[in-house]
Every structure is written in C-alpha cells, then in structure tokens.
Amino acid sequence: MGAIKKCDSKYFLHLYLHSLFVVDPNAGREFHDLQVELYVDYEPRMPLPFLSLSEHYRLDKAYDICVKKDLPREQAYLLGRMGNTKKALTVIIDKLEDIEEAVAIVSNQHDDELWEELIKQCLRKPEMVGMLLEHTIGNLDPLYIVSRVPNGVQIPRLRDRLVKIITNYRTETSLRHGCK
C-alpha cells in the first residue's frame, strides 16, 4: 500500500467508496470509474472482485487503467467482458501462463475456432503445449494437438504426458466397460 500521508484525500475517498460498495453495490455507482482506479492504487487484491461485481463502470476506461498498471488477470477479465476472447487468451497465455484458465474460458465458449486459437498460441511456447495436453482431456484429441506441433520442436516431458493420457484413457475405458 505504500506510505499514506495523513491528509491523503484520495485514500479516504477510497475507504468511503469501498465501505459504500460493501453495504450496497449500487450506491455510489456514478463513482465506479474512479473506484476502479482507487482500488488499483490502494487495494491491489480488490480490482478483480470489484470489476466482476459492478456493472457501473466503463469497460474501456477500466481496461486502460489495468494496462497502465500492468494487471494481466484484470485485463483478461475485461477483454472477455468486451467480447475480445482471442486477445484475452493472448494475455492469459503470454503474461499469466495459466493454461487452466485459458482452457476454462475456451470450454465455456463452445467455439471450435477458439480451440484452434488456443492451440496456435500454445504452439509458440513448447512448455504450454505440454500443459495443454494435460488439461484438455475430454475436450480435444491429444493426437490432434501433437500433430500440429512442427517437426523439430521439443515438448518438455512429452513422453510422460502421453503415457499419463493413455493410462487415463485405459482406466476410463475399463470403468465404462465395467459399468455396462
């Protein structure tokens, strides 16, 4: 939070608006654009919860603030709300390197084109391809992902990951057969 001056009026405004928001998320909604900036400045854990709970701020303005302050998780969230899922994926893959979140977003969209975009973005980082293989079981054919990898690109722990996928597949098949 840094050193707070005794007369830091922006900090006290932040405390007041936060308290107001906690009591009634719609109270003070005309100040929610300002509140995004105040949360970023004074309470770094709060921007994302605030962004997801409030609908009274301008998405583009909030996004600009999050870019300026380098808050990639918030950027991805706002890009998703603005309908720019491909760019949100880029932020998640390049800045957060969070394949689980990327797969969750793509799974929720039910869009084959978005799966292709995710694979394409992961192909730029060999480690991400390996993680993608581990986290897309049931959504994508692992052989399809492997077939997209250019010749000569080495995927860390590929053999172990494929063995795990095959073992899981055999176990699932055995369970299904047993249930019949």
N, C-alpha and C. Protein backbone atom coordinates (compact mmCIF):
# COMPACT_ATOMS: atom_id res chain seq x y z
N MET A 1 0.82 -1.19 0.00
CA MET A 1 0.00 0.00 0.00
C MET A 1 0.86 1.25 0.00
N GLY A 2 2.06 1.17 0.49
CA GLY A 2 2.96 2.31 0.48
C GLY A 2 2.65 3.25 1.64
N ALA A 3 3.44 4.30 1.76
CA ALA A 3 3.24 5.27 2.82
C ALA A 3 2.02 6.13 2.51
N ILE A 4 1.14 6.25 3.48
CA ILE A 4 -0.08 7.06 3.29
C ILE A 4 0.09 8.33 4.09
N LYS A 5 -0.06 9.43 3.41
CA LYS A 5 0.03 10.72 4.08
C LYS A 5 -1.21 10.90 4.94
N LYS A 6 -1.07 11.64 6.03
CA LYS A 6 -2.18 11.86 6.94
C LYS A 6 -3.36 12.52 6.24
N CYS A 7 -3.10 13.33 5.25
CA CYS A 7 -4.16 14.08 4.58
C CYS A 7 -4.36 13.59 3.15
N ASP A 8 -4.16 12.34 2.89
CA ASP A 8 -4.33 11.80 1.54
C ASP A 8 -5.83 11.64 1.27
N SER A 9 -6.41 12.65 0.67
CA SER A 9 -7.87 12.66 0.46
C SER A 9 -8.32 11.55 -0.49
N LYS A 10 -7.47 11.17 -1.45
CA LYS A 10 -7.85 10.07 -2.35
C LYS A 10 -7.96 8.76 -1.58
N TYR A 11 -7.09 8.56 -0.60
CA TYR A 11 -7.15 7.35 0.19
C TYR A 11 -8.45 7.31 1.00
N PHE A 12 -8.80 8.44 1.61
CA PHE A 12 -10.04 8.49 2.39
C PHE A 12 -11.26 8.35 1.49
N LEU A 13 -11.18 8.88 0.29
CA LEU A 13 -12.26 8.69 -0.68
C LEU A 13 -12.38 7.21 -1.02
N HIS A 14 -11.24 6.56 -1.21
CA HIS A 14 -11.24 5.12 -1.47
C HIS A 14 -11.92 4.36 -0.33
N LEU A 15 -11.55 4.67 0.93
CA LEU A 15 -12.15 3.99 2.07
C LEU A 15 -13.66 4.20 2.11
N TYR A 16 -14.08 5.44 1.85
CA TYR A 16 -15.51 5.75 1.87
C TYR A 16 -16.26 4.99 0.77
N LEU A 17 -15.75 5.06 -0.46
CA LEU A 17 -16.41 4.38 -1.57
C LEU A 17 -16.41 2.86 -1.39
N HIS A 18 -15.33 2.33 -0.84
CA HIS A 18 -15.27 0.89 -0.58
C HIS A 18 -16.35 0.50 0.44
N SER A 19 -16.44 1.25 1.52
CA SER A 19 -17.45 0.97 2.55
C SER A 19 -18.85 1.06 1.96
N LEU A 20 -19.06 2.06 1.14
CA LEU A 20 -20.36 2.24 0.48
C LEU A 20 -20.67 1.04 -0.42
N PHE A 21 -19.69 0.61 -1.15
CA PHE A 21 -19.87 -0.52 -2.07
C PHE A 21 -20.16 -1.81 -1.30
N VAL A 22 -19.49 -2.02 -0.18
CA VAL A 22 -19.71 -3.22 0.62
C VAL A 22 -21.15 -3.27 1.13
N VAL A 23 -21.67 -2.13 1.54
CA VAL A 23 -23.05 -2.06 2.06
C VAL A 23 -24.07 -2.20 0.93
N ASP A 24 -23.83 -1.49 -0.18
CA ASP A 24 -24.77 -1.52 -1.31
C ASP A 24 -23.98 -1.32 -2.60
N PRO A 25 -23.81 -2.39 -3.40
CA PRO A 25 -23.00 -2.29 -4.62
C PRO A 25 -23.52 -1.27 -5.63
N ASN A 26 -24.77 -0.86 -5.52
CA ASN A 26 -25.30 0.14 -6.44
C ASN A 26 -25.17 1.57 -5.93
N ALA A 27 -24.93 1.73 -4.65
CA ALA A 27 -24.77 3.07 -4.09
C ALA A 27 -23.44 3.64 -4.59
N GLY A 28 -23.45 4.86 -4.98
CA GLY A 28 -22.22 5.50 -5.46
C GLY A 28 -21.79 5.01 -6.82
N ARG A 29 -22.72 4.44 -7.58
CA ARG A 29 -22.33 3.86 -8.87
C ARG A 29 -21.78 4.88 -9.85
N GLU A 30 -22.13 6.15 -9.67
CA GLU A 30 -21.58 7.17 -10.56
C GLU A 30 -20.08 7.39 -10.33
N PHE A 31 -19.55 6.80 -9.25
CA PHE A 31 -18.13 6.92 -8.94
C PHE A 31 -17.36 5.63 -9.23
N HIS A 32 -17.99 4.65 -9.84
CA HIS A 32 -17.32 3.36 -10.04
C HIS A 32 -16.14 3.44 -11.00
N ASP A 33 -16.17 4.35 -11.96
CA ASP A 33 -14.99 4.53 -12.81
C ASP A 33 -13.80 4.96 -11.97
N LEU A 34 -14.03 5.90 -11.08
CA LEU A 34 -12.98 6.37 -10.18
C LEU A 34 -12.58 5.26 -9.21
N GLN A 35 -13.56 4.50 -8.77
CA GLN A 35 -13.29 3.45 -7.79
C GLN A 35 -12.36 2.38 -8.34
N VAL A 36 -12.44 2.09 -9.63
CA VAL A 36 -11.51 1.13 -10.24
C VAL A 36 -10.08 1.61 -10.02
N GLU A 37 -9.85 2.86 -10.32
CA GLU A 37 -8.52 3.44 -10.16
C GLU A 37 -8.07 3.45 -8.70
N LEU A 38 -9.00 3.75 -7.81
CA LEU A 38 -8.65 3.79 -6.38
C LEU A 38 -8.30 2.39 -5.86
N TYR A 39 -9.04 1.39 -6.29
CA TYR A 39 -8.71 0.02 -5.88
C TYR A 39 -7.32 -0.37 -6.39
N VAL A 40 -7.03 -0.03 -7.63
CA VAL A 40 -5.72 -0.36 -8.20
C VAL A 40 -4.61 0.32 -7.39
N ASP A 41 -4.85 1.55 -6.98
CA ASP A 41 -3.83 2.30 -6.24
C ASP A 41 -3.69 1.88 -4.78
N TYR A 42 -4.82 1.56 -4.13
CA TYR A 42 -4.78 1.36 -2.68
C TYR A 42 -5.07 -0.06 -2.19
N GLU A 43 -5.69 -0.89 -3.00
CA GLU A 43 -6.00 -2.26 -2.57
C GLU A 43 -5.86 -3.21 -3.74
N PRO A 44 -4.63 -3.64 -4.03
CA PRO A 44 -4.34 -4.43 -5.23
C PRO A 44 -5.10 -5.75 -5.36
N ARG A 45 -5.64 -6.28 -4.25
CA ARG A 45 -6.40 -7.54 -4.34
C ARG A 45 -7.85 -7.30 -4.75
N MET A 46 -8.30 -6.08 -4.74
CA MET A 46 -9.71 -5.79 -4.94
C MET A 46 -10.17 -5.47 -6.37
N PRO A 47 -9.30 -5.07 -7.28
CA PRO A 47 -9.84 -4.70 -8.60
C PRO A 47 -10.67 -5.79 -9.27
N LEU A 48 -10.18 -7.03 -9.28
CA LEU A 48 -10.91 -8.09 -9.96
C LEU A 48 -12.27 -8.39 -9.31
N PRO A 49 -12.34 -8.54 -7.98
CA PRO A 49 -13.67 -8.73 -7.38
C PRO A 49 -14.61 -7.55 -7.67
N PHE A 50 -14.08 -6.34 -7.61
CA PHE A 50 -14.91 -5.17 -7.89
C PHE A 50 -15.39 -5.18 -9.34
N LEU A 51 -14.48 -5.47 -10.27
CA LEU A 51 -14.84 -5.49 -11.69
C LEU A 51 -15.91 -6.54 -11.97
N SER A 52 -15.85 -7.65 -11.26
CA SER A 52 -16.82 -8.72 -11.52
C SER A 52 -18.16 -8.46 -10.83
N LEU A 53 -18.18 -7.65 -9.80
CA LEU A 53 -19.43 -7.39 -9.08
C LEU A 53 -20.17 -6.14 -9.58
N SER A 54 -19.45 -5.18 -10.08
CA SER A 54 -20.07 -3.93 -10.52
C SER A 54 -20.34 -3.94 -12.02
N GLU A 55 -21.39 -3.30 -12.40
CA GLU A 55 -21.69 -3.11 -13.83
C GLU A 55 -21.77 -1.63 -14.17
N HIS A 56 -21.26 -0.79 -13.27
CA HIS A 56 -21.42 0.65 -13.43
C HIS A 56 -20.12 1.39 -13.74
N TYR A 57 -19.25 0.75 -14.46
CA TYR A 57 -18.01 1.41 -14.88
C TYR A 57 -17.84 1.18 -16.37
N ARG A 58 -17.07 2.04 -16.99
CA ARG A 58 -16.82 1.90 -18.43
C ARG A 58 -15.71 0.86 -18.63
N LEU A 59 -16.01 -0.15 -19.41
CA LEU A 59 -15.06 -1.24 -19.64
C LEU A 59 -13.75 -0.73 -20.25
N ASP A 60 -13.86 0.15 -21.24
CA ASP A 60 -12.64 0.64 -21.91
C ASP A 60 -11.76 1.44 -20.96
N LYS A 61 -12.38 2.24 -20.11
CA LYS A 61 -11.61 3.03 -19.16
C LYS A 61 -10.94 2.13 -18.13
N ALA A 62 -11.67 1.15 -17.62
CA ALA A 62 -11.11 0.21 -16.65
C ALA A 62 -9.97 -0.58 -17.28
N TYR A 63 -10.16 -0.99 -18.54
CA TYR A 63 -9.12 -1.74 -19.24
C TYR A 63 -7.85 -0.90 -19.38
N ASP A 64 -7.99 0.36 -19.75
CA ASP A 64 -6.83 1.25 -19.89
C ASP A 64 -6.07 1.38 -18.56
N ILE A 65 -6.80 1.49 -17.47
CA ILE A 65 -6.17 1.58 -16.15
C ILE A 65 -5.39 0.30 -15.85
N CYS A 66 -5.99 -0.84 -16.15
CA CYS A 66 -5.34 -2.13 -15.87
C CYS A 66 -4.13 -2.37 -16.75
N VAL A 67 -4.17 -1.86 -17.97
CA VAL A 67 -2.99 -1.96 -18.86
C VAL A 67 -1.88 -1.08 -18.30
N LYS A 68 -2.24 0.15 -17.93
CA LYS A 68 -1.25 1.10 -17.40
C LYS A 68 -0.59 0.57 -16.13
N LYS A 69 -1.35 -0.10 -15.29
CA LYS A 69 -0.82 -0.62 -14.02
C LYS A 69 -0.33 -2.06 -14.13
N ASP A 70 -0.36 -2.63 -15.36
CA ASP A 70 0.11 -3.98 -15.64
C ASP A 70 -0.57 -5.02 -14.75
N LEU A 71 -1.89 -5.11 -14.88
CA LEU A 71 -2.68 -6.10 -14.16
C LEU A 71 -3.27 -7.08 -15.18
N PRO A 72 -2.51 -8.12 -15.53
CA PRO A 72 -2.94 -9.00 -16.62
C PRO A 72 -4.22 -9.79 -16.35
N ARG A 73 -4.44 -10.24 -15.12
CA ARG A 73 -5.66 -11.00 -14.83
C ARG A 73 -6.90 -10.13 -15.03
N GLU A 74 -6.81 -8.89 -14.59
CA GLU A 74 -7.91 -7.95 -14.76
C GLU A 74 -8.09 -7.60 -16.24
N GLN A 75 -6.97 -7.46 -16.96
CA GLN A 75 -7.05 -7.19 -18.40
C GLN A 75 -7.79 -8.31 -19.11
N ALA A 76 -7.43 -9.55 -18.80
CA ALA A 76 -8.07 -10.69 -19.45
C ALA A 76 -9.56 -10.72 -19.13
N TYR A 77 -9.92 -10.46 -17.89
CA TYR A 77 -11.32 -10.45 -17.49
C TYR A 77 -12.09 -9.39 -18.30
N LEU A 78 -11.54 -8.19 -18.36
CA LEU A 78 -12.21 -7.10 -19.07
C LEU A 78 -12.29 -7.36 -20.57
N LEU A 79 -11.24 -7.92 -21.14
CA LEU A 79 -11.28 -8.27 -22.57
C LEU A 79 -12.38 -9.29 -22.84
N GLY A 80 -12.52 -10.26 -21.94
CA GLY A 80 -13.60 -11.23 -22.08
C GLY A 80 -14.96 -10.57 -22.02
N ARG A 81 -15.14 -9.63 -21.10
CA ARG A 81 -16.42 -8.92 -21.00
C ARG A 81 -16.69 -8.06 -22.22
N MET A 82 -15.61 -7.57 -22.84
CA MET A 82 -15.77 -6.74 -24.04
C MET A 82 -15.98 -7.60 -25.29
N GLY A 83 -15.89 -8.92 -25.13
CA GLY A 83 -16.10 -9.83 -26.26
C GLY A 83 -14.86 -10.12 -27.06
N ASN A 84 -13.70 -9.71 -26.57
CA ASN A 84 -12.45 -9.95 -27.28
C ASN A 84 -11.73 -11.15 -26.64
N THR A 85 -12.33 -12.32 -26.80
CA THR A 85 -11.82 -13.53 -26.16
C THR A 85 -10.44 -13.92 -26.68
N LYS A 86 -10.19 -13.71 -27.96
CA LYS A 86 -8.88 -14.07 -28.52
C LYS A 86 -7.76 -13.26 -27.85
N LYS A 87 -8.00 -11.98 -27.68
CA LYS A 87 -6.98 -11.14 -27.04
C LYS A 87 -6.86 -11.51 -25.55
N ALA A 88 -7.97 -11.87 -24.93
CA ALA A 88 -7.93 -12.32 -23.53
C ALA A 88 -7.07 -13.58 -23.42
N LEU A 89 -7.23 -14.49 -24.37
CA LEU A 89 -6.40 -15.70 -24.39
C LEU A 89 -4.92 -15.35 -24.51
N THR A 90 -4.61 -14.40 -25.37
CA THR A 90 -3.22 -13.97 -25.54
C THR A 90 -2.64 -13.48 -24.22
N VAL A 91 -3.40 -12.68 -23.49
CA VAL A 91 -2.93 -12.17 -22.19
C VAL A 91 -2.73 -13.33 -21.22
N ILE A 92 -3.68 -14.26 -21.19
CA ILE A 92 -3.58 -15.39 -20.26
C ILE A 92 -2.38 -16.27 -20.60
N ILE A 93 -2.15 -16.53 -21.87
CA ILE A 93 -1.04 -17.40 -22.28
C ILE A 93 0.30 -16.68 -22.13
N ASP A 94 0.40 -15.45 -22.64
CA ASP A 94 1.69 -14.75 -22.66
C ASP A 94 2.10 -14.17 -21.32
N LYS A 95 1.16 -13.59 -20.59
CA LYS A 95 1.53 -12.90 -19.35
C LYS A 95 1.32 -13.75 -18.11
N LEU A 96 0.21 -14.48 -18.07
CA LEU A 96 -0.08 -15.27 -16.88
C LEU A 96 0.42 -16.71 -16.98
N GLU A 97 0.57 -17.19 -18.21
CA GLU A 97 0.95 -18.57 -18.48
C GLU A 97 0.07 -19.54 -17.68
N ASP A 98 -1.22 -19.27 -17.70
CA ASP A 98 -2.20 -20.04 -16.93
C ASP A 98 -3.07 -20.85 -17.89
N ILE A 99 -2.62 -22.04 -18.21
CA ILE A 99 -3.31 -22.87 -19.20
C ILE A 99 -4.69 -23.31 -18.68
N GLU A 100 -4.80 -23.55 -17.37
CA GLU A 100 -6.09 -23.97 -16.81
C GLU A 100 -7.16 -22.90 -17.05
N GLU A 101 -6.80 -21.65 -16.81
CA GLU A 101 -7.75 -20.56 -17.03
C GLU A 101 -8.09 -20.43 -18.51
N ALA A 102 -7.09 -20.58 -19.37
CA ALA A 102 -7.32 -20.49 -20.81
C ALA A 102 -8.27 -21.60 -21.27
N VAL A 103 -8.05 -22.82 -20.80
CA VAL A 103 -8.91 -23.95 -21.17
C VAL A 103 -10.33 -23.71 -20.64
N ALA A 104 -10.45 -23.18 -19.43
CA ALA A 104 -11.77 -22.92 -18.86
C ALA A 104 -12.55 -21.91 -19.71
N ILE A 105 -11.87 -20.85 -20.14
CA ILE A 105 -12.52 -19.83 -20.98
C ILE A 105 -12.98 -20.44 -22.29
N VAL A 106 -12.09 -21.18 -22.94
CA VAL A 106 -12.42 -21.77 -24.24
C VAL A 106 -13.54 -22.80 -24.10
N SER A 107 -13.49 -23.60 -23.04
CA SER A 107 -14.53 -24.62 -22.81
C SER A 107 -15.90 -23.98 -22.64
N ASN A 108 -15.94 -22.85 -21.94
CA ASN A 108 -17.22 -22.16 -21.70
C ASN A 108 -17.79 -21.55 -22.96
N GLN A 109 -16.94 -21.24 -23.93
CA GLN A 109 -17.39 -20.58 -25.17
C GLN A 109 -17.98 -21.56 -26.17
N HIS A 110 -17.61 -22.85 -26.09
CA HIS A 110 -18.09 -23.86 -27.04
C HIS A 110 -17.88 -23.41 -28.48
N ASP A 111 -16.64 -23.01 -28.77
CA ASP A 111 -16.31 -22.46 -30.09
C ASP A 111 -15.04 -23.15 -30.60
N ASP A 112 -15.19 -23.94 -31.69
CA ASP A 112 -14.05 -24.67 -32.24
C ASP A 112 -12.95 -23.72 -32.71
N GLU A 113 -13.34 -22.57 -33.21
CA GLU A 113 -12.36 -21.58 -33.68
C GLU A 113 -11.48 -21.10 -32.53
N LEU A 114 -12.08 -20.98 -31.35
CA LEU A 114 -11.33 -20.55 -30.17
C LEU A 114 -10.35 -21.64 -29.71
N TRP A 115 -10.75 -22.92 -29.85
CA TRP A 115 -9.82 -24.01 -29.55
C TRP A 115 -8.61 -23.93 -30.48
N GLU A 116 -8.87 -23.67 -31.76
CA GLU A 116 -7.77 -23.53 -32.72
C GLU A 116 -6.85 -22.37 -32.32
N GLU A 117 -7.44 -21.28 -31.89
CA GLU A 117 -6.65 -20.12 -31.46
C GLU A 117 -5.79 -20.48 -30.25
N LEU A 118 -6.36 -21.21 -29.30
CA LEU A 118 -5.61 -21.62 -28.12
C LEU A 118 -4.43 -22.51 -28.52
N ILE A 119 -4.68 -23.47 -29.39
CA ILE A 119 -3.59 -24.36 -29.84
C ILE A 119 -2.51 -23.53 -30.54
N LYS A 120 -2.93 -22.62 -31.41
CA LYS A 120 -1.98 -21.78 -32.15
C LYS A 120 -1.11 -20.96 -31.19
N GLN A 121 -1.74 -20.39 -30.17
CA GLN A 121 -0.97 -19.58 -29.22
C GLN A 121 -0.03 -20.44 -28.37
N CYS A 122 -0.48 -21.64 -28.02
CA CYS A 122 0.37 -22.53 -27.23
C CYS A 122 1.56 -23.03 -28.03
N LEU A 123 1.40 -23.17 -29.33
CA LEU A 123 2.49 -23.67 -30.17
C LEU A 123 3.71 -22.74 -30.15
N ARG A 124 3.50 -21.49 -29.76
CA ARG A 124 4.62 -20.55 -29.67
C ARG A 124 5.51 -20.83 -28.46
N LYS A 125 4.97 -21.60 -27.49
CA LYS A 125 5.72 -21.91 -26.27
C LYS A 125 5.62 -23.42 -26.04
N PRO A 126 6.68 -24.17 -26.31
CA PRO A 126 6.62 -25.63 -26.18
C PRO A 126 6.11 -26.13 -24.83
N GLU A 127 6.49 -25.49 -23.74
CA GLU A 127 6.01 -25.92 -22.41
C GLU A 127 4.49 -25.80 -22.32
N MET A 128 3.93 -24.79 -22.97
CA MET A 128 2.47 -24.60 -22.95
C MET A 128 1.76 -25.73 -23.70
N VAL A 129 2.38 -26.26 -24.73
CA VAL A 129 1.78 -27.39 -25.47
C VAL A 129 1.64 -28.58 -24.54
N GLY A 130 2.68 -28.84 -23.77
CA GLY A 130 2.64 -29.95 -22.81
C GLY A 130 1.55 -29.74 -21.78
N MET A 131 1.44 -28.55 -21.26
CA MET A 131 0.39 -28.26 -20.28
C MET A 131 -0.99 -28.37 -20.92
N LEU A 132 -1.10 -27.94 -22.18
CA LEU A 132 -2.37 -28.03 -22.90
C LEU A 132 -2.80 -29.49 -23.02
N LEU A 133 -1.85 -30.36 -23.33
CA LEU A 133 -2.16 -31.79 -23.42
C LEU A 133 -2.73 -32.32 -22.10
N GLU A 134 -2.18 -31.88 -21.00
CA GLU A 134 -2.62 -32.35 -19.69
C GLU A 134 -4.01 -31.84 -19.32
N HIS A 135 -4.37 -30.65 -19.80
CA HIS A 135 -5.60 -30.01 -19.34
C HIS A 135 -6.77 -30.05 -20.31
N THR A 136 -6.60 -30.64 -21.47
CA THR A 136 -7.71 -30.66 -22.43
C THR A 136 -8.34 -32.03 -22.58
N ILE A 137 -7.99 -32.94 -21.69
CA ILE A 137 -8.56 -34.29 -21.77
C ILE A 137 -10.09 -34.17 -21.74
N GLY A 138 -10.72 -34.79 -22.73
CA GLY A 138 -12.17 -34.72 -22.84
C GLY A 138 -12.65 -33.60 -23.75
N ASN A 139 -11.79 -32.64 -24.03
CA ASN A 139 -12.17 -31.53 -24.90
C ASN A 139 -11.55 -31.65 -26.29
N LEU A 140 -10.29 -32.05 -26.33
CA LEU A 140 -9.57 -32.15 -27.60
C LEU A 140 -8.86 -33.50 -27.69
N ASP A 141 -8.69 -33.95 -28.89
CA ASP A 141 -7.93 -35.18 -29.13
C ASP A 141 -6.45 -34.85 -28.98
N PRO A 142 -5.76 -35.50 -28.03
CA PRO A 142 -4.33 -35.21 -27.83
C PRO A 142 -3.51 -35.44 -29.10
N LEU A 143 -3.89 -36.43 -29.90
CA LEU A 143 -3.15 -36.68 -31.14
C LEU A 143 -3.26 -35.51 -32.10
N TYR A 144 -4.40 -34.84 -32.11
CA TYR A 144 -4.57 -33.67 -32.96
C TYR A 144 -3.60 -32.56 -32.54
N ILE A 145 -3.49 -32.35 -31.23
CA ILE A 145 -2.56 -31.32 -30.73
C ILE A 145 -1.13 -31.69 -31.11
N VAL A 146 -0.75 -32.95 -30.87
CA VAL A 146 0.62 -33.40 -31.19
C VAL A 146 0.89 -33.27 -32.68
N SER A 147 -0.11 -33.58 -33.52
CA SER A 147 0.10 -33.49 -34.97
C SER A 147 0.32 -32.05 -35.44
N ARG A 148 -0.12 -31.09 -34.66
CA ARG A 148 0.06 -29.67 -35.01
C ARG A 148 1.44 -29.13 -34.65
N VAL A 149 2.17 -29.86 -33.82
CA VAL A 149 3.49 -29.40 -33.39
C VAL A 149 4.46 -29.53 -34.57
N PRO A 150 5.13 -28.45 -34.95
CA PRO A 150 6.09 -28.51 -36.06
C PRO A 150 7.23 -29.48 -35.77
N ASN A 151 7.75 -30.10 -36.82
CA ASN A 151 8.89 -31.01 -36.69
C ASN A 151 10.06 -30.29 -36.04
N GLY A 152 10.74 -31.00 -35.17
CA GLY A 152 11.93 -30.45 -34.54
C GLY A 152 11.66 -29.72 -33.23
N VAL A 153 10.41 -29.37 -32.94
CA VAL A 153 10.09 -28.68 -31.69
C VAL A 153 10.00 -29.72 -30.59
N GLN A 154 10.75 -29.48 -29.52
CA GLN A 154 10.75 -30.43 -28.42
C GLN A 154 9.80 -29.95 -27.32
N ILE A 155 8.89 -30.83 -26.96
CA ILE A 155 7.93 -30.54 -25.91
C ILE A 155 8.46 -31.18 -24.62
N PRO A 156 8.71 -30.37 -23.59
CA PRO A 156 9.22 -30.93 -22.34
C PRO A 156 8.27 -32.00 -21.77
N ARG A 157 8.85 -33.12 -21.36
CA ARG A 157 8.14 -34.23 -20.72
C ARG A 157 6.97 -34.76 -21.57
N LEU A 158 7.10 -34.70 -22.89
CA LEU A 158 6.03 -35.16 -23.79
C LEU A 158 5.73 -36.65 -23.57
N ARG A 159 6.77 -37.45 -23.50
CA ARG A 159 6.57 -38.89 -23.33
C ARG A 159 5.76 -39.19 -22.07
N ASP A 160 6.17 -38.59 -20.94
CA ASP A 160 5.46 -38.82 -19.67
C ASP A 160 4.01 -38.36 -19.75
N ARG A 161 3.79 -37.24 -20.40
CA ARG A 161 2.43 -36.71 -20.52
C ARG A 161 1.55 -37.62 -21.38
N LEU A 162 2.12 -38.13 -22.47
CA LEU A 162 1.35 -39.04 -23.33
C LEU A 162 1.06 -40.36 -22.62
N VAL A 163 2.01 -40.85 -21.85
CA VAL A 163 1.79 -42.08 -21.07
C VAL A 163 0.64 -41.85 -20.09
N LYS A 164 0.64 -40.70 -19.44
CA LYS A 164 -0.44 -40.38 -18.48
C LYS A 164 -1.79 -40.31 -19.19
N ILE A 165 -1.84 -39.70 -20.35
CA ILE A 165 -3.08 -39.59 -21.11
C ILE A 165 -3.59 -40.97 -21.50
N ILE A 166 -2.69 -41.82 -21.99
CA ILE A 166 -3.08 -43.17 -22.41
C ILE A 166 -3.55 -43.98 -21.20
N THR A 167 -2.84 -43.87 -20.09
CA THR A 167 -3.23 -44.59 -18.87
C THR A 167 -4.62 -44.13 -18.41
N ASN A 168 -4.85 -42.83 -18.41
CA ASN A 168 -6.17 -42.31 -18.01
C ASN A 168 -7.26 -42.80 -18.96
N TYR A 169 -6.94 -42.83 -20.25
CA TYR A 169 -7.91 -43.30 -21.24
C TYR A 169 -8.25 -44.77 -21.00
N ARG A 170 -7.23 -45.58 -20.75
CA ARG A 170 -7.46 -47.01 -20.49
C ARG A 170 -8.30 -47.20 -19.23
N THR A 171 -8.00 -46.43 -18.19
CA THR A 171 -8.76 -46.53 -16.95
C THR A 171 -10.21 -46.14 -17.18
N GLU A 172 -10.43 -45.05 -17.91
CA GLU A 172 -11.79 -44.61 -18.21
C GLU A 172 -12.54 -45.65 -19.03
N THR A 173 -11.88 -46.21 -20.02
CA THR A 173 -12.49 -47.25 -20.86
C THR A 173 -12.84 -48.47 -20.02
N SER A 174 -11.95 -48.87 -19.14
CA SER A 174 -12.19 -50.01 -18.27
C SER A 174 -13.38 -49.77 -17.36
N LEU A 175 -13.45 -48.56 -16.79
CA LEU A 175 -14.57 -48.21 -15.92
C LEU A 175 -15.90 -48.23 -16.67
N ARG A 176 -15.90 -47.68 -17.87
CA ARG A 176 -17.13 -47.68 -18.68
C ARG A 176 -17.56 -49.10 -19.01
N HIS A 177 -16.58 -49.94 -19.36
CA HIS A 177 -16.87 -51.33 -19.69
C HIS A 177 -17.45 -52.05 -18.45
N GLY A 178 -16.85 -51.78 -17.30
CA GLY A 178 -17.33 -52.39 -16.05
C GLY A 178 -18.74 -51.95 -15.68
N CYS A 179 -19.06 -50.70 -15.99
CA CYS A 179 -20.40 -50.18 -15.68
C CYS A 179 -21.48 -50.79 -16.58
N LYS A 180 -21.09 -51.15 -17.79
CA LYS A 180 -22.07 -51.77 -18.71
C LYS A 180 -22.43 -53.15 -18.21
